[in-house]
C-alpha atoms as a PDB file:
ATOM      1  CA  MET A   1       0.914  -6.052 -20.822  1.00  0.00           C
ATOM      2  CA  PHE A   2      -2.126  -5.304 -22.963  1.00  0.00           C
ATOM      3  CA  GLY A   3      -2.323  -8.981 -23.814  1.00  0.00           C
ATOM      4  CA  LYS A   4      -2.674  -9.816 -20.114  1.00  0.00           C
ATOM      5  CA  LEU A   5      -5.406  -7.185 -19.684  1.00  0.00           C
ATOM      6  CA  ASN A   6      -7.559  -8.514 -22.526  1.00  0.00           C
ATOM      7  CA  PRO A   7      -8.746 -11.667 -20.697  1.00  0.00           C
ATOM      8  CA  LEU A   8      -9.442  -9.573 -17.577  1.00  0.00           C
ATOM      9  CA  TRP A   9     -11.472  -7.047 -19.561  1.00  0.00           C
ATOM     10  CA  THR A  10     -13.396  -9.895 -21.191  1.00  0.00           C
ATOM     11  CA  MET A  11     -14.213 -11.306 -17.746  1.00  0.00           C
ATOM     12  CA  VAL A  12     -15.351  -7.879 -16.519  1.00  0.00           C
ATOM     13  CA  GLN A  13     -17.587  -7.425 -19.566  1.00  0.00           C
ATOM     14  CA  ALA A  14     -19.094 -10.883 -19.081  1.00  0.00           C
ATOM     15  CA  ARG A  15     -19.802 -10.190 -15.406  1.00  0.00           C
ATOM     16  CA  LEU A  16     -21.379  -6.826 -16.210  1.00  0.00           C
ATOM     17  CA  ALA A  17     -23.590  -8.530 -18.788  1.00  0.00           C
ATOM     18  CA  GLU A  18     -24.656 -11.080 -16.154  1.00  0.00           C
ATOM     19  CA  ILE A  19     -25.480  -8.337 -13.654  1.00  0.00           C
ATOM     20  CA  ASP A  20     -27.466  -6.427 -16.277  1.00  0.00           C
ATOM     21  CA  HIS A  21     -29.395  -9.600 -17.159  1.00  0.00           C
ATOM     22  CA  ASP A  22     -30.108 -10.328 -13.485  1.00  0.00           C
ATOM     23  CA  LEU A  23     -31.344  -6.787 -12.870  1.00  0.00           C
ATOM     24  CA  SER A  24     -33.587  -6.889 -15.951  1.00  0.00           C
ATOM     25  CA  ARG A  25     -34.982 -10.245 -14.897  1.00  0.00           C
ATOM     26  CA  LYS A  26     -35.594  -8.972 -11.364  1.00  0.00           C
ATOM     27  CA  ALA A  27     -37.421  -5.907 -12.718  1.00  0.00           C
ATOM     28  CA  LEU A  28     -39.692  -8.049 -14.894  1.00  0.00           C
ATOM     29  CA  VAL A  29     -40.489 -10.323 -11.958  1.00  0.00           C
ATOM     30  CA  GLN A  30     -41.380  -7.222  -9.947  1.00  0.00           C
ATOM     31  CA  ALA A  31     -43.546  -5.950 -12.805  1.00  0.00           C
ATOM     32  CA  ILE A  32     -45.495  -9.225 -12.927  1.00  0.00           C
ATOM     33  CA  ARG A  33     -45.928  -9.123  -9.147  1.00  0.00           C
ATOM     34  CA  ASN A  34     -47.193  -5.530  -9.336  1.00  0.00           C
ATOM     35  CA  VAL A  35     -49.732  -6.385 -12.037  1.00  0.00           C
ATOM     36  CA  THR A  36     -50.996  -9.287  -9.915  1.00  0.00           C
ATOM     37  CA  ARG A  37     -51.301  -7.055  -6.852  1.00  0.00           C
ATOM     38  CA  GLY A  38     -53.029  -4.295  -8.808  1.00  0.00           C
ATOM     39  CA  LEU A  39     -55.578  -6.664 -10.337  1.00  0.00           C
ATOM     40  CA  GLY A  40     -56.159  -8.151  -6.893  1.00  0.00           C
ATOM     41  CA  HIS A  41     -57.267  -4.723  -5.630  1.00  0.00           C
ATOM     42  CA  TRP A  42     -59.406  -4.015  -8.697  1.00  0.00           C
ATOM     43  CA  ASN A  43     -62.708  -4.785  -6.990  1.00  0.00           C
ATOM     44  CA  ALA A  44     -65.320  -2.748  -5.151  1.00  0.00           C
ATOM     45  CA  THR A  45     -64.703  -4.052  -1.630  1.00  0.00           C
ATOM     46  CA  LYS A  46     -60.953  -3.424  -1.665  1.00  0.00           C
ATOM     47  CA  VAL A  47     -61.334  -0.037  -3.331  1.00  0.00           C
ATOM     48  CA  ALA A  48     -63.888   1.004  -0.699  1.00  0.00           C
ATOM     49  CA  ALA A  49     -61.642  -0.268   2.110  1.00  0.00           C
ATOM     50  CA  ALA A  50     -58.705   1.693   0.679  1.00  0.00           C
ATOM     51  CA  MET A  51     -60.780   4.882   0.460  1.00  0.00           C
ATOM     52  CA  LEU A  52     -62.038   4.477   4.037  1.00  0.00           C
ATOM     53  CA  ALA A  53     -58.431   4.036   5.186  1.00  0.00           C
ATOM     54  CA  ARG A  54     -57.258   7.176   3.348  1.00  0.00           C
ATOM     55  CA  TYR A  55     -60.163   9.632   3.614  1.00  0.00           C
ATOM     56  CA  PRO A  56     -62.119  11.148   6.527  1.00  0.00           C
ATOM     57  CA  HIS A  57     -65.340  10.228   4.678  1.00  0.00           C
ATOM     58  CA  CYS A  58     -66.450   8.005   1.835  1.00  0.00           C
ATOM     59  CA  TYR A  59     -69.862   7.582   0.189  1.00  0.00           C
ATOM     60  CA  LEU A  60     -70.955   3.984  -0.217  1.00  0.00           C
ATOM     61  CA  VAL A  61     -73.412   3.653  -3.100  1.00  0.00           C
ATOM     62  CA  ASN A  62     -75.809   0.694  -3.177  1.00  0.00           C
ATOM     63  CA  ALA A  63     -75.034  -1.372  -6.276  1.00  0.00           C
ATOM     64  CA  ASP A  64     -78.065  -3.623  -5.597  1.00  0.00           C
ATOM     65  CA  ILE A  65     -80.745  -0.945  -5.430  1.00  0.00           C
ATOM     66  CA  MET A  66     -83.486  -0.940  -8.054  1.00  0.00           C
ATOM     67  CA  GLY A  67     -83.460   2.378  -9.897  1.00  0.00           C
ATOM     68  CA  PHE A  68     -81.079   5.249  -9.280  1.00  0.00           C
ATOM     69  CA  PRO A  69     -79.441   5.790  -5.845  1.00  0.00           C
ATOM     70  CA  GLY A  70     -79.847   9.248  -4.346  1.00  0.00           C
ATOM     71  CA  ILE A  71     -76.938  11.183  -2.875  1.00  0.00           C
ATOM     72  CA  ALA A  72     -77.356  14.263  -0.669  1.00  0.00           C
ATOM     73  CA  LEU A  73     -75.165  16.749  -2.521  1.00  0.00           C
ATOM     74  CA  ALA A  74     -75.649  19.395   0.189  1.00  0.00           C
ATOM     75  CA  GLU A  75     -74.084  16.954   2.657  1.00  0.00           C
ATOM     76  CA  TYR A  76     -71.422  15.960   0.134  1.00  0.00           C
ATOM     77  CA  ARG A  77     -70.311  19.562  -0.327  1.00  0.00           C
ATOM     78  CA  THR A  78     -69.924  20.191   3.405  1.00  0.00           C
ATOM     79  CA  CYS A  79     -67.312  17.438   3.878  1.00  0.00           C
ATOM     80  CA  ALA A  80     -63.731  18.206   4.848  1.00  0.00           C
ATOM     81  CA  THR A  81     -62.506  17.626   1.294  1.00  0.00           C
ATOM     82  CA  ASP A  82     -64.256  18.545  -1.954  1.00  0.00           C
ATOM     83  CA  ASP A  83     -63.464  15.187  -3.525  1.00  0.00           C
ATOM     84  CA  VAL A  84     -65.088  12.612  -1.240  1.00  0.00           C
ATOM     85  CA  PRO A  85     -64.879   9.193  -2.946  1.00  0.00           C
ATOM     86  CA  LEU A  86     -68.043   7.417  -4.075  1.00  0.00           C
ATOM     87  CA  VAL A  87     -67.766   3.623  -4.307  1.00  0.00           C
ATOM     88  CA  ARG A  88     -70.439   1.208  -5.556  1.00  0.00           C
ATOM     89  CA  VAL A  89     -70.724  -1.863  -3.323  1.00  0.00           C
ATOM     90  CA  SER A  90     -73.331  -4.543  -2.719  1.00  0.00           C
ATOM     91  CA  GLU A  91     -75.502  -4.549   0.427  1.00  0.00           C
ATOM     92  CA  ARG A  92     -73.561  -7.517   1.766  1.00  0.00           C
ATOM     93  CA  GLU A  93     -70.204  -5.784   1.247  1.00  0.00           C
ATOM     94  CA  ALA A  94     -71.513  -2.508   2.678  1.00  0.00           C
ATOM     95  CA  ALA A  95     -72.609  -4.163   5.923  1.00  0.00           C
ATOM     96  CA  LYS A  96     -69.037  -5.365   6.519  1.00  0.00           C
ATOM     97  CA  LEU A  97     -67.502  -2.016   5.573  1.00  0.00           C
ATOM     98  CA  MET A  98     -69.873  -0.015   7.812  1.00  0.00           C
ATOM     99  CA  ALA A  99     -69.393  -2.252  10.867  1.00  0.00           C
ATOM    100  CA  GLY A 100     -68.077  -0.150  13.764  1.00  0.00           C
ATOM    101  CA  ARG A 101     -68.185   3.086  11.742  1.00  0.00           C
ATOM    102  CA  ASN A 102     -70.399   6.152  11.852  1.00  0.00           C
ATOM    103  CA  ALA A 103     -72.837   5.489   8.997  1.00  0.00           C
ATOM    104  CA  TYR A 104     -76.548   5.259   8.167  1.00  0.00           C
ATOM    105  CA  PRO A 105     -77.366   1.730   6.944  1.00  0.00           C
ATOM    106  CA  ILE A 106     -81.080   2.591   6.602  1.00  0.00           C
ATOM    107  CA  ASP A 107     -80.249   5.395   4.140  1.00  0.00           C
ATOM    108  CA  PHE A 108     -78.052   2.953   2.217  1.00  0.00           C
ATOM    109  CA  GLN A 109     -80.958   0.525   1.823  1.00  0.00           C
ATOM    110  CA  ARG A 110     -83.757   3.073   1.358  1.00  0.00           C
ATOM    111  CA  TYR A 111     -82.142   5.798  -0.740  1.00  0.00           C
ATOM    112  CA  GLY A 112     -79.175   3.906  -2.123  1.00  0.00           C
ATOM    113  CA  ALA A 113     -76.211   5.712  -0.578  1.00  0.00           C
ATOM    114  CA  THR A 114     -74.779   6.808   2.744  1.00  0.00           C
ATOM    115  CA  LEU A 115     -71.835   8.798   4.018  1.00  0.00           C
ATOM    116  CA  VAL A 116     -69.444   6.638   6.056  1.00  0.00           C
ATOM    117  CA  ALA A 117     -66.772   7.950   8.414  1.00  0.00           C
ATOM    118  CA  GLY A 118     -63.281   6.895   7.391  1.00  0.00           C
ATOM    119  CA  ASP A 119     -59.948   6.594   9.185  1.00  0.00           C
ATOM    120  CA  GLY A 120     -58.092   9.193   7.150  1.00  0.00           C
ATOM    121  CA  VAL A 121     -57.128  12.588   8.462  1.00  0.00           C
ATOM    122  CA  LEU A 122     -56.250  15.715   6.527  1.00  0.00           C
ATOM    123  CA  PRO A 123     -53.924  16.850   5.041  1.00  0.00           C
ATOM    124  CA  LEU A 124     -53.805  14.316   2.231  1.00  0.00           C
ATOM    125  CA  PRO A 125     -50.485  12.833   1.002  1.00  0.00           C
ATOM    126  CA  ALA A 126     -47.865  15.012  -0.684  1.00  0.00           C
ATOM    127  CA  ALA A 127     -46.971  14.391  -4.336  1.00  0.00           C
ATOM    128  CA  MET A 128     -43.655  12.681  -3.527  1.00  0.00           C
ATOM    129  CA  ASP A 129     -45.421  10.372  -1.070  1.00  0.00           C
ATOM    130  CA  ILE A 130     -47.823   9.298  -3.821  1.00  0.00           C
ATOM    131  CA  ILE A 131     -44.939   8.599  -6.224  1.00  0.00           C
ATOM    132  CA  GLY A 132     -43.179   6.673  -3.448  1.00  0.00           C
ATOM    133  CA  ALA A 133     -46.325   4.604  -2.862  1.00  0.00           C
ATOM    134  CA  ILE A 134     -46.520   3.768  -6.580  1.00  0.00           C
ATOM    135  CA  GLU A 135     -42.891   2.618  -6.555  1.00  0.00           C
ATOM    136  CA  ASN A 136     -42.971   0.714  -3.263  1.00  0.00           C
ATOM    137  CA  ASN A 137     -46.412  -0.913  -3.498  1.00  0.00           C
ATOM    138  CA  GLY A 138     -46.457  -1.363  -7.267  1.00  0.00           C
ATOM    139  CA  TRP A 139     -50.000  -0.010  -7.618  1.00  0.00           C
ATOM    140  CA  HIS A 140     -52.029   2.961  -6.387  1.00  0.00           C
ATOM    141  CA  ILE A 141     -55.604   4.227  -6.545  1.00  0.00           C
ATOM    142  CA  LEU A 142     -55.065   7.657  -8.095  1.00  0.00           C
ATOM    143  CA  THR A 143     -57.868   9.929  -6.869  1.00  0.00           C
ATOM    144  CA  VAL A 144     -58.726  13.485  -7.873  1.00  0.00           C
ATOM    145  CA  ASP A 145     -56.919  14.764  -4.775  1.00  0.00           C
ATOM    146  CA  ASP A 146     -53.800  12.767  -5.673  1.00  0.00           C
ATOM    147  CA  ALA A 147     -53.826  14.068  -9.242  1.00  0.00           C
ATOM    148  CA  ARG A 148     -54.141  17.673  -8.082  1.00  0.00           C
ATOM    149  CA  ARG A 149     -51.228  17.354  -5.677  1.00  0.00           C
ATOM    150  CA  ILE A 150     -48.981  15.770  -8.282  1.00  0.00           C
ATOM    151  CA  LEU A 151     -49.703  18.449 -10.888  1.00  0.00           C
ATOM    152  CA  LEU A 152     -49.295  21.216  -8.310  1.00  0.00           C
ATOM    153  CA  GLY A 153     -45.965  19.688  -7.263  1.00  0.00           C
ATOM    154  CA  ARG A 154     -44.912  19.679 -10.897  1.00  0.00           C
ATOM    155  CA  ASP A 155     -45.543  23.421 -11.213  1.00  0.00           C
ATOM    156  CA  MET A 156     -42.186  25.199 -10.948  1.00  0.00           C
ATOM    157  CA  ALA A 157     -43.909  28.422  -9.885  1.00  0.00           C
ATOM    158  CA  HIS A 158     -45.029  26.737  -6.637  1.00  0.00           C
ATOM    159  CA  ALA A 159     -41.979  24.506  -6.103  1.00  0.00           C
ATOM    160  CA  VAL A 160     -39.956  24.831  -2.889  1.00  0.00           C
ATOM    161  CA  ASN A 161     -36.946  22.919  -4.274  1.00  0.00           C
ATOM    162  CA  ALA A 162     -35.829  22.035  -7.787  1.00  0.00           C
ATOM    163  CA  CYS A 163     -33.088  20.144  -9.632  1.00  0.00           C
ATOM    164  CA  LEU A 164     -30.698  21.611 -12.197  1.00  0.00           C
ATOM    165  CA  THR A 165     -29.970  19.021 -14.881  1.00  0.00           C
ATOM    166  CA  THR A 166     -26.706  18.543 -16.790  1.00  0.00           C
ATOM    167  CA  ARG A 167     -28.401  20.236 -19.760  1.00  0.00           C
ATOM    168  CA  ASN A 168     -29.005  23.325 -17.586  1.00  0.00           C
ATOM    169  CA  THR A 169     -32.752  22.752 -17.535  1.00  0.00           C
ATOM    170  CA  TRP A 170     -34.893  22.697 -14.402  1.00  0.00           C
ATOM    171  CA  LEU A 171     -36.957  19.903 -12.905  1.00  0.00           C
ATOM    172  CA  THR A 172     -39.186  20.065  -9.849  1.00  0.00           C
ATOM    173  CA  MET A 173     -38.595  17.383  -7.234  1.00  0.00           C
ATOM    174  CA  VAL A 174     -41.875  15.762  -8.330  1.00  0.00           C
ATOM    175  CA  GLU A 175     -40.763  15.627 -11.983  1.00  0.00           C
ATOM    176  CA  ASN A 176     -37.392  14.266 -10.908  1.00  0.00           C
ATOM    177  CA  GLY A 177     -39.007  11.624  -8.694  1.00  0.00           C
ATOM    178  CA  ALA A 178     -41.321  10.439 -11.475  1.00  0.00           C
ATOM    179  CA  ASP A 179     -38.514  10.528 -14.059  1.00  0.00           C
ATOM    180  CA  ARG A 180     -36.177   8.532 -11.786  1.00  0.00           C
ATOM    181  CA  ILE A 181     -38.452   5.479 -12.002  1.00  0.00           C
ATOM    182  CA  GLY A 182     -39.441   6.146 -15.612  1.00  0.00           C
ATOM    183  CA  ILE A 183     -43.146   7.020 -15.197  1.00  0.00           C
ATOM    184  CA  ALA A 184     -43.126  10.753 -15.969  1.00  0.00           C
ATOM    185  CA  GLU A 185     -44.322  10.209 -19.553  1.00  0.00           C
ATOM    186  CA  SER A 186     -47.499   8.516 -18.299  1.00  0.00           C
ATOM    187  CA  LEU A 187     -48.134   9.853 -14.786  1.00  0.00           C
ATOM    188  CA  PHE A 188     -48.781  13.502 -15.621  1.00  0.00           C
ATOM    189  CA  PRO A 189     -51.191  12.814 -18.541  1.00  0.00           C
ATOM    190  CA  PHE A 190     -53.026  10.329 -16.294  1.00  0.00           C
ATOM    191  CA  CYS A 191     -53.376  13.018 -13.616  1.00  0.00           C
ATOM    192  CA  GLU A 192     -54.755  15.493 -16.155  1.00  0.00           C
ATOM    193  CA  GLN A 193     -57.263  12.879 -17.281  1.00  0.00           C
ATOM    194  CA  VAL A 194     -58.364  12.129 -13.706  1.00  0.00           C
ATOM    195  CA  ILE A 195     -58.965  15.814 -13.000  1.00  0.00           C
ATOM    196  CA  ALA A 196     -60.809  16.380 -16.293  1.00  0.00           C
ATOM    197  CA  THR A 197     -63.166  13.435 -15.733  1.00  0.00           C
ATOM    198  CA  ARG A 198     -63.223  13.589 -11.886  1.00  0.00           C
ATOM    199  CA  ALA A 199     -62.943   9.799 -11.977  1.00  0.00           C
ATOM    200  CA  ALA A 200     -60.281   7.851 -10.065  1.00  0.00           C
ATOM    201  CA  ILE A 201     -58.146   5.153 -11.709  1.00  0.00           C
ATOM    202  CA  ILE A 202     -55.764   2.417 -10.580  1.00  0.00           C
ATOM    203  CA  VAL A 203     -52.210   2.813 -11.833  1.00  0.00           C
ATOM    204  CA  ILE A 204     -49.784  -0.132 -11.913  1.00  0.00           C
ATOM    205  CA  TYR A 205     -46.003   0.320 -12.004  1.00  0.00           C
ATOM    206  CA  THR A 206     -44.212  -2.128 -14.300  1.00  0.00           C
ATOM    207  CA  PRO A 207     -40.410  -1.696 -14.100  1.00  0.00           C
ATOM    208  CA  GLY A 208     -38.344  -3.403 -16.746  1.00  0.00           C
ATOM    209  CA  LEU A 209     -40.608  -2.330 -19.604  1.00  0.00           C
ATOM    210  CA  PRO A 210     -39.843   0.621 -21.926  1.00  0.00           C
ATOM    211  CA  ARG A 211     -40.484   3.983 -20.248  1.00  0.00           C
ATOM    212  CA  PRO A 212     -43.846   4.729 -21.922  1.00  0.00           C
ATOM    213  CA  LEU A 213     -45.114   1.350 -20.662  1.00  0.00           C
ATOM    214  CA  ARG A 214     -43.919   1.553 -17.062  1.00  0.00           C
ATOM    215  CA  LEU A 215     -47.234   2.893 -15.768  1.00  0.00           C
ATOM    216  CA  TRP A 216     -50.557   1.332 -16.708  1.00  0.00           C
ATOM    217  CA  ARG A 217     -54.065   2.567 -15.920  1.00  0.00           C
ATOM    218  CA  LEU A 218     -57.198   0.616 -15.062  1.00  0.00           C
ATOM    219  CA  SER A 219     -60.557   2.355 -15.137  1.00  0.00           C
ATOM    220  CA  LEU A 220     -62.645   2.447 -11.958  1.00  0.00           C
ATOM    221  CA  LYS A 221     -65.749   4.101 -13.416  1.00  0.00           C
ATOM    222  CA  TRP A 222     -67.861   1.010 -12.755  1.00  0.00           C
ATOM    223  CA  ILE A 223     -66.628   0.968  -9.142  1.00  0.00           C
ATOM    224  CA  MET A 224     -65.944   4.674  -8.462  1.00  0.00           C
ATOM    225  CA  PRO A 225     -68.187   6.799 -10.681  1.00  0.00           C
ATOM    226  CA  PRO A 226     -67.044  10.322 -11.621  1.00  0.00           C
ATOM    227  CA  LEU A 227     -67.502  12.826  -8.798  1.00  0.00           C
ATOM    228  CA  PRO A 228     -70.146  15.554  -9.043  1.00  0.00           C
ATOM    229  CA  PRO A 229     -68.998  19.137  -9.651  1.00  0.00           C
ATOM    230  CA  VAL A 230     -68.245  21.211  -6.568  1.00  0.00           C
ATOM    231  CA  ALA A 231     -69.516  24.786  -6.414  1.00  0.00           C
END
């Protein structure tokens, strides 16, 4: 009887190995696709468009101006959110981005920056929505607001629901969501860095790689400079 089972078990093992290989290959293909998508959005125009889609307001800063662009901080601090994005774009790009929006093109040319009305409405996305966007889209512009929501969602003292692990330890739903796709080791330190510097980054999800390498960061300081302090 056992002799008859041996060939069957060998076939099962071979098939499982094939499935594992296929899944690993699929994950690496997805990782390459995500890197390509992330790099494709790593430019000023697409970053500005993404911020205008997500936020009620965005400051466009004139990258072509001679000297230092001026930003009205009193106006900045009266916006609906304390972390209004600032994005450096050329005059040509700005004209396209401001078309049909409430903005002040003369201020953009004369002083070097202008507040532009965006399409976003408050409240901003929840932590699990941000993690879902990273997984589904493969990349995400991680802003100061995003980082704050993720770290707040990680705080067990403020958690609405939590998971009890097999080791009888506790995880918030945010920790569990990040751990499920293997980015917890990188995501939370990235969020702390974003908050400390007040500078957004692009993160790229690369499944198939070892866990510490499943989330990569790209600096946006030359596109989105660090935000000013808020009183």
